[in-house]
Amino acid sequence: MRFLLALIFSASILAASGACAETRVFITANGYGDQCLARGDKCGASVARTYCQSRDFAQASSYRRVDPDEITGSVPKSGTNCSQGHCDEYVAITCQR
């Protein structure tokens, strides 16, 4: 009986460990001007993966264009914080560890 109880407990711990993977969404200006990334096309996967890896995440699970109205807080329209004139193009990249 104890063995069965221990087995069930171990199985539940293993099942729960997969659900604890850390996920984070990064919103960034599309300074690359990469339309593949902004459209969510397959060709943007390498840019998204590199972005996630530069922040110590293993992979990018998704990426898409984000409308500036979807972003809470201050969004620059132009000026010194605007890299290469793409301030109206934002990309959400979802990274996982």
Protein backbone atom coordinates (compact mmCIF):
# COMPACT_ATOMS: atom_id res chain seq x y z
CA MET A 1 0.00 0.00 0.00
CA ARG A 2 2.79 2.42 0.89
CA PHE A 3 4.55 1.62 -2.36
CA LEU A 4 1.42 2.45 -4.36
CA LEU A 5 0.97 5.71 -2.46
CA ALA A 6 4.62 6.65 -3.05
CA LEU A 7 4.28 5.82 -6.74
CA ILE A 8 1.19 8.01 -7.13
CA PHE A 9 2.88 10.86 -5.25
CA SER A 10 6.00 10.62 -7.45
CA ALA A 11 3.93 10.61 -10.61
CA SER A 12 2.04 13.71 -9.51
CA ILE A 13 5.32 15.54 -8.77
CA LEU A 14 6.67 14.68 -12.21
CA ALA A 15 3.46 15.78 -13.91
CA ALA A 16 3.46 19.10 -12.04
CA SER A 17 7.11 19.86 -12.83
CA GLY A 18 6.32 20.28 -16.54
CA ALA A 19 3.65 22.84 -15.75
CA CYS A 20 6.13 25.02 -13.86
CA ALA A 21 8.13 26.07 -16.92
CA GLU A 22 8.82 29.79 -16.76
CA THR A 23 7.28 31.86 -19.55
CA ARG A 24 7.74 35.58 -20.11
CA VAL A 25 6.45 37.96 -22.79
CA PHE A 26 8.80 40.71 -23.96
CA ILE A 27 7.48 43.73 -25.84
CA THR A 28 10.15 45.34 -27.97
CA ALA A 29 10.33 47.92 -30.73
CA ASN A 30 10.94 46.21 -34.05
CA GLY A 31 14.28 47.97 -34.47
CA TYR A 32 15.39 45.25 -36.86
CA GLY A 33 12.62 46.18 -39.26
CA ASP A 34 12.11 42.44 -39.55
CA GLN A 35 8.74 41.91 -41.21
CA CYS A 36 8.94 38.13 -40.69
CA LEU A 37 9.07 38.74 -36.95
CA ALA A 38 6.28 41.32 -37.02
CA ARG A 39 3.97 39.11 -39.11
CA GLY A 40 4.71 36.02 -37.03
CA ASP A 41 5.99 34.22 -40.12
CA LYS A 42 8.20 31.15 -39.81
CA CYS A 43 11.19 33.11 -41.12
CA GLY A 44 11.19 35.25 -37.93
CA ALA A 45 11.80 32.24 -35.66
CA SER A 46 15.58 32.63 -35.60
CA VAL A 47 15.37 36.31 -34.61
CA ALA A 48 12.88 35.49 -31.84
CA ARG A 49 14.96 32.55 -30.60
CA THR A 50 18.13 34.68 -30.53
CA TYR A 51 16.27 37.40 -28.62
CA CYS A 52 15.11 34.87 -26.01
CA GLN A 53 18.54 33.27 -25.71
CA SER A 54 20.11 36.69 -25.13
CA ARG A 55 17.88 36.94 -22.06
CA ASP A 56 18.77 33.45 -20.76
CA PHE A 57 15.65 31.72 -22.05
CA ALA A 58 15.85 28.51 -24.04
CA GLN A 59 13.35 29.17 -26.81
CA ALA A 60 10.70 31.44 -28.30
CA SER A 61 7.27 29.86 -28.19
CA SER A 62 5.54 32.65 -30.16
CA TYR A 63 6.03 36.11 -31.63
CA ARG A 64 3.68 38.63 -33.22
CA ARG A 65 3.16 42.30 -33.98
CA VAL A 66 1.57 44.32 -31.17
CA ASP A 67 -0.47 47.45 -31.72
CA PRO A 68 0.82 50.37 -29.57
CA ASP A 69 -2.70 50.71 -28.11
CA GLU A 70 -2.33 47.20 -26.58
CA ILE A 71 0.69 48.29 -24.54
CA THR A 72 0.13 49.84 -21.15
CA GLY A 73 2.47 52.64 -20.10
CA SER A 74 4.48 55.08 -22.14
CA VAL A 75 5.26 54.27 -25.75
CA PRO A 76 7.67 56.61 -27.57
CA LYS A 77 6.47 57.99 -30.88
CA SER A 78 9.78 59.48 -32.00
CA GLY A 79 13.02 60.91 -30.66
CA THR A 80 16.13 59.47 -29.04
CA ASN A 81 14.41 56.31 -27.76
CA CYS A 82 13.23 55.50 -31.26
CA SER A 83 15.75 53.27 -33.01
CA GLN A 84 15.90 53.43 -36.81
CA GLY A 85 12.48 55.08 -37.12
CA HIS A 86 10.39 51.98 -36.30
CA CYS A 87 8.65 53.32 -33.19
CA ASP A 88 5.21 52.38 -34.46
CA GLU A 89 6.20 48.71 -34.88
CA TYR A 90 6.22 46.64 -31.71
CA VAL A 91 6.68 42.90 -31.39
CA ALA A 92 5.64 40.59 -28.53
CA ILE A 93 8.03 37.66 -28.10
CA THR A 94 7.04 34.88 -25.71
CA CYS A 95 10.10 33.13 -24.26
CA GLN A 96 10.30 29.90 -22.25
CA ARG A 97 13.02 28.41 -20.06
